[in-house]
């Protein structure tokens, strides 16, 4: 029996319900991790450290931030077998990581109110129905002025449609409103793009009650499907980097 649900679980089920089963139900150890996943984790850890230092008023150097990033990268790499993309090397990734962190470090940032705020709250529909398990998550960043930030690392820029439909931002907005009894003044994604010429893009968006209702319905239907043991492969471009490709090929229904 599940004791909570997260946006990561919902997104994984929607991406590929069979992969969800392998990971969350069968708990099959992953034989490797794509480099992009570990890169994103190391970037996120470095940003978490930076913003927690800023929250308590500490001034830190860019060199120290680079050190945190490298330390996290090597720690993650020591625990996992890394699958690099064709033409990709560890040295190139570390260099891109530092370029991206430098861009974020030097941009004009508002004072940090909270970094990495965890929540576990009831998910309630507009009709008053309460989801059978709570919604769990961690808000990346809350800045002065009640602005919520989600950090992303990606290969390419995001469009407004992707940002407007980000379940993660919807969950952050819902959680903020539930916890503080007021709506956030702004929502934004800070996307660190590790393209040939690394860049940082900031995209603002908003959420309304109808978005919360959609989140509730998606969570409810995903839970129902999991309880009904509905799992099947969903072929896509993501398959070539999937850790469970071997198990998927042997799937017999």
C-alpha atoms as a PDB file:
ATOM      1  CA  UNK A   1       0.000   0.000   0.000  1.00  0.00           C
ATOM      2  CA  UNK A   2       1.378   3.417  -0.965  1.00  0.00           C
ATOM      3  CA  UNK A   3       1.758   5.871   1.917  1.00  0.00           C
ATOM      4  CA  UNK A   4       2.097   8.947  -0.311  1.00  0.00           C
ATOM      5  CA  UNK A   5       2.277  10.069  -3.922  1.00  0.00           C
ATOM      6  CA  UNK A   6       4.645  12.552  -5.553  1.00  0.00           C
ATOM      7  CA  UNK A   7       4.773  14.358  -8.872  1.00  0.00           C
ATOM      8  CA  UNK A   8       7.843  12.267  -9.741  1.00  0.00           C
ATOM      9  CA  UNK A   9       5.745   9.115  -9.350  1.00  0.00           C
ATOM     10  CA  UNK A  10       2.877  10.552 -11.390  1.00  0.00           C
ATOM     11  CA  UNK A  11       5.196  11.692 -14.180  1.00  0.00           C
ATOM     12  CA  UNK A  12       7.033   8.365 -14.273  1.00  0.00           C
ATOM     13  CA  UNK A  13       3.761   6.424 -14.499  1.00  0.00           C
ATOM     14  CA  UNK A  14       2.532   8.690 -17.305  1.00  0.00           C
ATOM     15  CA  UNK A  15       5.892   8.403 -19.118  1.00  0.00           C
ATOM     16  CA  UNK A  16       5.976   4.608 -18.868  1.00  0.00           C
ATOM     17  CA  UNK A  17       3.852   2.630 -16.439  1.00  0.00           C
ATOM     18  CA  UNK A  18       6.036  -0.473 -16.879  1.00  0.00           C
ATOM     19  CA  UNK A  19       9.124   1.441 -15.805  1.00  0.00           C
ATOM     20  CA  UNK A  20       7.139   2.644 -12.790  1.00  0.00           C
ATOM     21  CA  UNK A  21       6.438  -0.989 -11.891  1.00  0.00           C
ATOM     22  CA  UNK A  22      10.067  -2.049 -12.275  1.00  0.00           C
ATOM     23  CA  UNK A  23      11.263   0.821 -10.070  1.00  0.00           C
ATOM     24  CA  UNK A  24       8.598   1.373  -7.392  1.00  0.00           C
ATOM     25  CA  UNK A  25       6.927  -2.035  -7.107  1.00  0.00           C
ATOM     26  CA  UNK A  26       9.481  -4.644  -8.170  1.00  0.00           C
ATOM     27  CA  UNK A  27      12.322  -2.450  -6.851  1.00  0.00           C
ATOM     28  CA  UNK A  28      14.727  -3.778  -9.465  1.00  0.00           C
ATOM     29  CA  UNK A  29      18.169  -2.201  -8.978  1.00  0.00           C
ATOM     30  CA  UNK A  30      19.150   0.016 -11.890  1.00  0.00           C
ATOM     31  CA  UNK A  31      22.237  -1.392 -13.662  1.00  0.00           C
ATOM     32  CA  UNK A  32      23.374   2.120 -14.632  1.00  0.00           C
ATOM     33  CA  UNK A  33      22.349   5.769 -14.542  1.00  0.00           C
ATOM     34  CA  UNK A  34      22.290   8.046 -17.597  1.00  0.00           C
ATOM     35  CA  UNK A  35      24.874  10.811 -17.258  1.00  0.00           C
ATOM     36  CA  UNK A  36      22.155  13.456 -17.571  1.00  0.00           C
ATOM     37  CA  UNK A  37      20.408  12.186 -14.432  1.00  0.00           C
ATOM     38  CA  UNK A  38      23.572  12.314 -12.318  1.00  0.00           C
ATOM     39  CA  UNK A  39      24.537  15.667 -13.832  1.00  0.00           C
ATOM     40  CA  UNK A  40      21.154  17.095 -12.867  1.00  0.00           C
ATOM     41  CA  UNK A  41      21.453  15.715  -9.322  1.00  0.00           C
ATOM     42  CA  UNK A  42      24.914  17.240  -8.866  1.00  0.00           C
ATOM     43  CA  UNK A  43      23.761  20.634 -10.206  1.00  0.00           C
ATOM     44  CA  UNK A  44      20.689  20.538  -7.977  1.00  0.00           C
ATOM     45  CA  UNK A  45      22.754  19.661  -4.897  1.00  0.00           C
ATOM     46  CA  UNK A  46      25.135  22.548  -5.591  1.00  0.00           C
ATOM     47  CA  UNK A  47      22.233  24.988  -6.010  1.00  0.00           C
ATOM     48  CA  UNK A  48      20.639  23.693  -2.817  1.00  0.00           C
ATOM     49  CA  UNK A  49      23.863  24.345  -0.903  1.00  0.00           C
ATOM     50  CA  UNK A  50      24.251  27.815  -2.456  1.00  0.00           C
ATOM     51  CA  UNK A  51      20.701  28.905  -1.674  1.00  0.00           C
ATOM     52  CA  UNK A  52      20.794  27.551   1.878  1.00  0.00           C
ATOM     53  CA  UNK A  53      23.957  29.603   2.425  1.00  0.00           C
ATOM     54  CA  UNK A  54      22.232  32.677   0.997  1.00  0.00           C
ATOM     55  CA  UNK A  55      19.186  32.002   3.196  1.00  0.00           C
ATOM     56  CA  UNK A  56      21.276  32.367   6.353  1.00  0.00           C
ATOM     57  CA  UNK A  57      23.172  35.369   4.999  1.00  0.00           C
ATOM     58  CA  UNK A  58      26.491  33.687   4.180  1.00  0.00           C
ATOM     59  CA  UNK A  59      28.478  35.038   1.248  1.00  0.00           C
ATOM     60  CA  UNK A  60      30.205  32.225  -0.636  1.00  0.00           C
ATOM     61  CA  UNK A  61      32.649  32.179  -3.512  1.00  0.00           C
ATOM     62  CA  UNK A  62      32.075  30.769  -6.977  1.00  0.00           C
ATOM     63  CA  UNK A  63      35.119  28.535  -6.465  1.00  0.00           C
ATOM     64  CA  UNK A  64      33.482  26.983  -3.399  1.00  0.00           C
ATOM     65  CA  UNK A  65      30.298  26.374  -5.402  1.00  0.00           C
ATOM     66  CA  UNK A  66      32.354  24.619  -8.090  1.00  0.00           C
ATOM     67  CA  UNK A  67      33.945  22.459  -5.392  1.00  0.00           C
ATOM     68  CA  UNK A  68      30.538  21.431  -4.037  1.00  0.00           C
ATOM     69  CA  UNK A  69      29.407  20.513  -7.550  1.00  0.00           C
ATOM     70  CA  UNK A  70      32.496  18.434  -8.293  1.00  0.00           C
ATOM     71  CA  UNK A  71      32.317  16.681  -4.916  1.00  0.00           C
ATOM     72  CA  UNK A  72      28.661  15.764  -5.463  1.00  0.00           C
ATOM     73  CA  UNK A  73      29.338  14.580  -9.007  1.00  0.00           C
ATOM     74  CA  UNK A  74      32.164  12.276  -7.936  1.00  0.00           C
ATOM     75  CA  UNK A  75      30.136  10.989  -4.974  1.00  0.00           C
ATOM     76  CA  UNK A  76      27.187  10.086  -7.223  1.00  0.00           C
ATOM     77  CA  UNK A  77      29.510   8.594  -9.831  1.00  0.00           C
ATOM     78  CA  UNK A  78      31.167   6.398  -7.190  1.00  0.00           C
ATOM     79  CA  UNK A  79      27.798   4.872  -6.315  1.00  0.00           C
ATOM     80  CA  UNK A  80      26.491   4.324  -9.846  1.00  0.00           C
ATOM     81  CA  UNK A  81      27.659   3.024 -13.197  1.00  0.00           C
ATOM     82  CA  UNK A  82      27.326   6.011 -15.537  1.00  0.00           C
ATOM     83  CA  UNK A  83      26.117   5.752 -19.121  1.00  0.00           C
ATOM     84  CA  UNK A  84      27.539   8.623 -21.179  1.00  0.00           C
ATOM     85  CA  UNK A  85      26.048   9.729 -24.473  1.00  0.00           C
ATOM     86  CA  UNK A  86      28.010   9.385 -27.711  1.00  0.00           C
ATOM     87  CA  UNK A  87      30.717  12.045 -27.825  1.00  0.00           C
ATOM     88  CA  UNK A  88      30.144  12.994 -24.195  1.00  0.00           C
ATOM     89  CA  UNK A  89      32.909  12.873 -21.582  1.00  0.00           C
ATOM     90  CA  UNK A  90      33.118  13.473 -17.879  1.00  0.00           C
ATOM     91  CA  UNK A  91      35.459  16.424 -18.405  1.00  0.00           C
ATOM     92  CA  UNK A  92      33.028  18.112 -20.818  1.00  0.00           C
ATOM     93  CA  UNK A  93      30.123  17.624 -18.404  1.00  0.00           C
ATOM     94  CA  UNK A  94      32.011  19.079 -15.459  1.00  0.00           C
ATOM     95  CA  UNK A  95      33.029  22.096 -17.559  1.00  0.00           C
ATOM     96  CA  UNK A  96      29.416  22.650 -18.654  1.00  0.00           C
ATOM     97  CA  UNK A  97      28.261  22.307 -15.063  1.00  0.00           C
ATOM     98  CA  UNK A  98      30.642  25.038 -13.948  1.00  0.00           C
ATOM     99  CA  UNK A  99      29.585  27.321 -16.806  1.00  0.00           C
ATOM    100  CA  UNK A 100      25.918  26.899 -15.868  1.00  0.00           C
ATOM    101  CA  UNK A 101      26.537  27.413 -12.158  1.00  0.00           C
ATOM    102  CA  UNK A 102      28.536  30.538 -12.958  1.00  0.00           C
ATOM    103  CA  UNK A 103      25.609  31.925 -14.970  1.00  0.00           C
ATOM    104  CA  UNK A 104      23.223  31.340 -12.061  1.00  0.00           C
ATOM    105  CA  UNK A 105      25.703  32.629  -9.471  1.00  0.00           C
ATOM    106  CA  UNK A 106      26.127  35.964 -11.268  1.00  0.00           C
ATOM    107  CA  UNK A 107      22.506  36.629 -12.193  1.00  0.00           C
ATOM    108  CA  UNK A 108      20.451  39.063 -10.151  1.00  0.00           C
ATOM    109  CA  UNK A 109      18.729  36.941  -7.519  1.00  0.00           C
ATOM    110  CA  UNK A 110      16.136  37.969  -4.961  1.00  0.00           C
ATOM    111  CA  UNK A 111      16.849  37.200  -1.278  1.00  0.00           C
ATOM    112  CA  UNK A 112      16.149  33.571  -0.366  1.00  0.00           C
ATOM    113  CA  UNK A 113      13.305  32.939   2.072  1.00  0.00           C
ATOM    114  CA  UNK A 114      13.452  29.124   2.010  1.00  0.00           C
ATOM    115  CA  UNK A 115      15.430  26.519   0.111  1.00  0.00           C
ATOM    116  CA  UNK A 116      14.371  22.879  -0.241  1.00  0.00           C
ATOM    117  CA  UNK A 117      11.124  23.100   1.726  1.00  0.00           C
ATOM    118  CA  UNK A 118       9.597  19.602   2.197  1.00  0.00           C
ATOM    119  CA  UNK A 119       5.845  19.086   2.380  1.00  0.00           C
ATOM    120  CA  UNK A 120       3.422  16.216   2.894  1.00  0.00           C
ATOM    121  CA  UNK A 121      -0.131  17.467   2.662  1.00  0.00           C
ATOM    122  CA  UNK A 122      -3.610  16.262   1.695  1.00  0.00           C
ATOM    123  CA  UNK A 123      -4.558  16.699  -1.947  1.00  0.00           C
ATOM    124  CA  UNK A 124      -8.134  17.989  -2.033  1.00  0.00           C
ATOM    125  CA  UNK A 125     -10.397  18.405  -5.059  1.00  0.00           C
ATOM    126  CA  UNK A 126     -12.687  21.353  -5.700  1.00  0.00           C
ATOM    127  CA  UNK A 127     -15.616  19.182  -4.581  1.00  0.00           C
ATOM    128  CA  UNK A 128     -13.971  18.473  -1.226  1.00  0.00           C
ATOM    129  CA  UNK A 129     -12.839  14.930  -2.060  1.00  0.00           C
ATOM    130  CA  UNK A 130      -9.547  14.048  -0.383  1.00  0.00           C
ATOM    131  CA  UNK A 131      -7.038  11.795  -2.124  1.00  0.00           C
ATOM    132  CA  UNK A 132      -6.481   8.570  -0.205  1.00  0.00           C
ATOM    133  CA  UNK A 133      -2.765   9.285   0.283  1.00  0.00           C
ATOM    134  CA  UNK A 134      -0.990  12.623   0.878  1.00  0.00           C
ATOM    135  CA  UNK A 135       0.984  14.545  -1.711  1.00  0.00           C
ATOM    136  CA  UNK A 136       4.718  14.621  -0.966  1.00  0.00           C
ATOM    137  CA  UNK A 137       7.368  16.880  -2.420  1.00  0.00           C
ATOM    138  CA  UNK A 138      10.115  19.431  -1.843  1.00  0.00           C
ATOM    139  CA  UNK A 139       9.869  23.025  -3.095  1.00  0.00           C
ATOM    140  CA  UNK A 140      13.231  23.942  -4.637  1.00  0.00           C
ATOM    141  CA  UNK A 141      13.255  27.621  -3.703  1.00  0.00           C
ATOM    142  CA  UNK A 142      11.047  30.387  -2.324  1.00  0.00           C
ATOM    143  CA  UNK A 143      12.364  33.906  -2.906  1.00  0.00           C
ATOM    144  CA  UNK A 144      11.410  37.228  -1.385  1.00  0.00           C
ATOM    145  CA  UNK A 145       8.062  38.359  -2.746  1.00  0.00           C
ATOM    146  CA  UNK A 146       6.565  34.851  -2.503  1.00  0.00           C
ATOM    147  CA  UNK A 147       8.093  33.679  -5.782  1.00  0.00           C
ATOM    148  CA  UNK A 148       8.524  29.919  -6.189  1.00  0.00           C
ATOM    149  CA  UNK A 149      11.348  28.549  -8.317  1.00  0.00           C
ATOM    150  CA  UNK A 150      11.853  25.118  -9.836  1.00  0.00           C
ATOM    151  CA  UNK A 151      15.309  24.222 -11.154  1.00  0.00           C
ATOM    152  CA  UNK A 152      15.705  22.143 -14.310  1.00  0.00           C
ATOM    153  CA  UNK A 153      18.684  20.923 -16.296  1.00  0.00           C
ATOM    154  CA  UNK A 154      18.028  20.020 -19.912  1.00  0.00           C
ATOM    155  CA  UNK A 155      19.526  19.639 -23.370  1.00  0.00           C
ATOM    156  CA  UNK A 156      17.383  22.359 -24.921  1.00  0.00           C
ATOM    157  CA  UNK A 157      15.245  25.358 -24.116  1.00  0.00           C
ATOM    158  CA  UNK A 158      11.695  24.951 -22.805  1.00  0.00           C
ATOM    159  CA  UNK A 159       8.640  26.542 -24.367  1.00  0.00           C
ATOM    160  CA  UNK A 160       5.781  28.234 -22.540  1.00  0.00           C
ATOM    161  CA  UNK A 161       3.506  25.239 -23.138  1.00  0.00           C
ATOM    162  CA  UNK A 162       5.881  22.946 -21.222  1.00  0.00           C
ATOM    163  CA  UNK A 163       6.156  25.420 -18.362  1.00  0.00           C
ATOM    164  CA  UNK A 164       2.399  26.036 -18.241  1.00  0.00           C
ATOM    165  CA  UNK A 165       1.809  22.288 -17.981  1.00  0.00           C
ATOM    166  CA  UNK A 166       4.549  21.492 -15.463  1.00  0.00           C
ATOM    167  CA  UNK A 167       2.916  19.327 -12.777  1.00  0.00           C
ATOM    168  CA  UNK A 168       5.848  20.085 -10.480  1.00  0.00           C
ATOM    169  CA  UNK A 169       5.113  23.805 -10.456  1.00  0.00           C
ATOM    170  CA  UNK A 170       1.405  23.082  -9.983  1.00  0.00           C
ATOM    171  CA  UNK A 171       2.217  20.961  -6.937  1.00  0.00           C
ATOM    172  CA  UNK A 172       4.565  23.640  -5.558  1.00  0.00           C
ATOM    173  CA  UNK A 173       1.903  26.323  -5.965  1.00  0.00           C
ATOM    174  CA  UNK A 174      -0.775  24.131  -4.365  1.00  0.00           C
ATOM    175  CA  UNK A 175       1.515  23.233  -1.455  1.00  0.00           C
ATOM    176  CA  UNK A 176       2.517  26.855  -0.877  1.00  0.00           C
ATOM    177  CA  UNK A 177      -1.114  27.950  -0.790  1.00  0.00           C
ATOM    178  CA  UNK A 178      -2.026  25.076   1.559  1.00  0.00           C
ATOM    179  CA  UNK A 179       0.900  25.724   3.935  1.00  0.00           C
ATOM    180  CA  UNK A 180       0.802  29.533   4.057  1.00  0.00           C
ATOM    181  CA  UNK A 181      -2.855  30.252   3.276  1.00  0.00           C
ATOM    182  CA  UNK A 182      -1.955  32.639   0.470  1.00  0.00           C
ATOM    183  CA  UNK A 183      -1.210  32.335  -3.209  1.00  0.00           C
ATOM    184  CA  UNK A 184       2.363  32.671  -4.460  1.00  0.00           C
ATOM    185  CA  UNK A 185       3.023  35.954  -6.243  1.00  0.00           C
ATOM    186  CA  UNK A 186       4.961  34.219  -8.982  1.00  0.00           C
ATOM    187  CA  UNK A 187       6.108  30.865 -10.347  1.00  0.00           C
ATOM    188  CA  UNK A 188       9.177  30.365 -12.466  1.00  0.00           C
ATOM    189  CA  UNK A 189      11.411  27.699 -13.921  1.00  0.00           C
ATOM    190  CA  UNK A 190      15.140  28.315 -14.032  1.00  0.00           C
ATOM    191  CA  UNK A 191      16.325  26.024 -16.806  1.00  0.00           C
ATOM    192  CA  UNK A 192      20.061  25.367 -17.007  1.00  0.00           C
ATOM    193  CA  UNK A 193      20.561  24.343 -20.620  1.00  0.00           C
ATOM    194  CA  UNK A 194      23.663  22.230 -21.261  1.00  0.00           C
ATOM    195  CA  UNK A 195      23.736  22.907 -24.979  1.00  0.00           C
ATOM    196  CA  UNK A 196      26.894  23.529 -27.030  1.00  0.00           C
ATOM    197  CA  UNK A 197      26.885  27.046 -25.632  1.00  0.00           C
ATOM    198  CA  UNK A 198      25.467  26.581 -22.102  1.00  0.00           C
ATOM    199  CA  UNK A 199      22.814  29.103 -21.138  1.00  0.00           C
ATOM    200  CA  UNK A 200      20.327  29.872 -18.419  1.00  0.00           C
ATOM    201  CA  UNK A 201      16.694  30.699 -19.153  1.00  0.00           C
ATOM    202  CA  UNK A 202      14.065  31.963 -16.723  1.00  0.00           C
ATOM    203  CA  UNK A 203      10.403  31.472 -17.612  1.00  0.00           C
ATOM    204  CA  UNK A 204       7.517  32.781 -15.515  1.00  0.00           C
ATOM    205  CA  UNK A 205       4.048  31.297 -15.307  1.00  0.00           C
ATOM    206  CA  UNK A 206       0.939  31.174 -13.099  1.00  0.00           C
ATOM    207  CA  UNK A 207      -1.500  28.591 -11.756  1.00  0.00           C
ATOM    208  CA  UNK A 208      -5.243  28.665 -11.118  1.00  0.00           C
ATOM    209  CA  UNK A 209      -7.702  26.479  -9.205  1.00  0.00           C
ATOM    210  CA  UNK A 210      -8.419  24.476 -12.354  1.00  0.00           C
ATOM    211  CA  UNK A 211      -4.746  23.457 -12.443  1.00  0.00           C
ATOM    212  CA  UNK A 212      -5.000  22.125  -8.888  1.00  0.00           C
ATOM    213  CA  UNK A 213      -8.095  20.158  -9.910  1.00  0.00           C
ATOM    214  CA  UNK A 214      -6.236  18.650 -12.858  1.00  0.00           C
ATOM    215  CA  UNK A 215      -3.389  17.624 -10.540  1.00  0.00           C
ATOM    216  CA  UNK A 216      -5.906  15.973  -8.206  1.00  0.00           C
ATOM    217  CA  UNK A 217      -7.582  14.052 -11.033  1.00  0.00           C
ATOM    218  CA  UNK A 218      -4.277  12.882 -12.504  1.00  0.00           C
ATOM    219  CA  UNK A 219      -3.076  11.698  -9.090  1.00  0.00           C
ATOM    220  CA  UNK A 220      -6.392   9.918  -8.459  1.00  0.00           C
ATOM    221  CA  UNK A 221      -6.413   8.126 -11.808  1.00  0.00           C
ATOM    222  CA  UNK A 222      -2.752   7.126 -11.525  1.00  0.00           C
ATOM    223  CA  UNK A 223      -3.428   5.665  -8.070  1.00  0.00           C
ATOM    224  CA  UNK A 224      -6.435   3.764  -9.406  1.00  0.00           C
ATOM    225  CA  UNK A 225      -4.383   2.363 -12.288  1.00  0.00           C
ATOM    226  CA  UNK A 226      -1.571   1.283  -9.963  1.00  0.00           C
ATOM    227  CA  UNK A 227      -4.035  -0.464  -7.634  1.00  0.00           C
ATOM    228  CA  UNK A 228      -5.552  -2.195 -10.654  1.00  0.00           C
ATOM    229  CA  UNK A 229      -2.021  -3.288 -11.680  1.00  0.00           C
ATOM    230  CA  UNK A 230      -2.194  -1.648 -15.092  1.00  0.00           C
ATOM    231  CA  UNK A 231       1.384  -1.569 -16.370  1.00  0.00           C
ATOM    232  CA  UNK A 232       2.594  -1.622 -19.965  1.00  0.00           C
ATOM    233  CA  UNK A 233       5.534  -0.300 -22.011  1.00  0.00           C
ATOM    234  CA  UNK A 234       5.330   3.057 -23.757  1.00  0.00           C
ATOM    235  CA  UNK A 235       7.977   3.222 -26.510  1.00  0.00           C
ATOM    236  CA  UNK A 236       9.532   6.633 -27.038  1.00  0.00           C
ATOM    237  CA  UNK A 237      12.871   8.355 -27.640  1.00  0.00           C
ATOM    238  CA  UNK A 238      13.581   7.831 -23.936  1.00  0.00           C
ATOM    239  CA  UNK A 239      13.884   4.066 -24.375  1.00  0.00           C
ATOM    240  CA  UNK A 240      17.487   4.160 -25.595  1.00  0.00           C
ATOM    241  CA  UNK A 241      18.630   5.525 -22.215  1.00  0.00           C
ATOM    242  CA  UNK A 242      16.223   3.494 -20.087  1.00  0.00           C
ATOM    243  CA  UNK A 243      17.876   1.528 -17.294  1.00  0.00           C
ATOM    244  CA  UNK A 244      15.258  -1.202 -17.607  1.00  0.00           C
ATOM    245  CA  UNK A 245      15.470  -1.808 -21.358  1.00  0.00           C
ATOM    246  CA  UNK A 246      16.534  -5.439 -20.890  1.00  0.00           C
ATOM    247  CA  UNK A 247      13.620  -6.149 -18.543  1.00  0.00           C
ATOM    248  CA  UNK A 248      11.203  -4.373 -20.861  1.00  0.00           C
ATOM    249  CA  UNK A 249      12.250  -6.522 -23.823  1.00  0.00           C
ATOM    250  CA  UNK A 250      11.463  -9.640 -21.754  1.00  0.00           C
ATOM    251  CA  UNK A 251       8.081  -8.300 -20.647  1.00  0.00           C
ATOM    252  CA  UNK A 252       5.304 -10.799 -21.273  1.00  0.00           C
ATOM    253  CA  UNK A 253       2.277  -8.889 -20.091  1.00  0.00           C
END
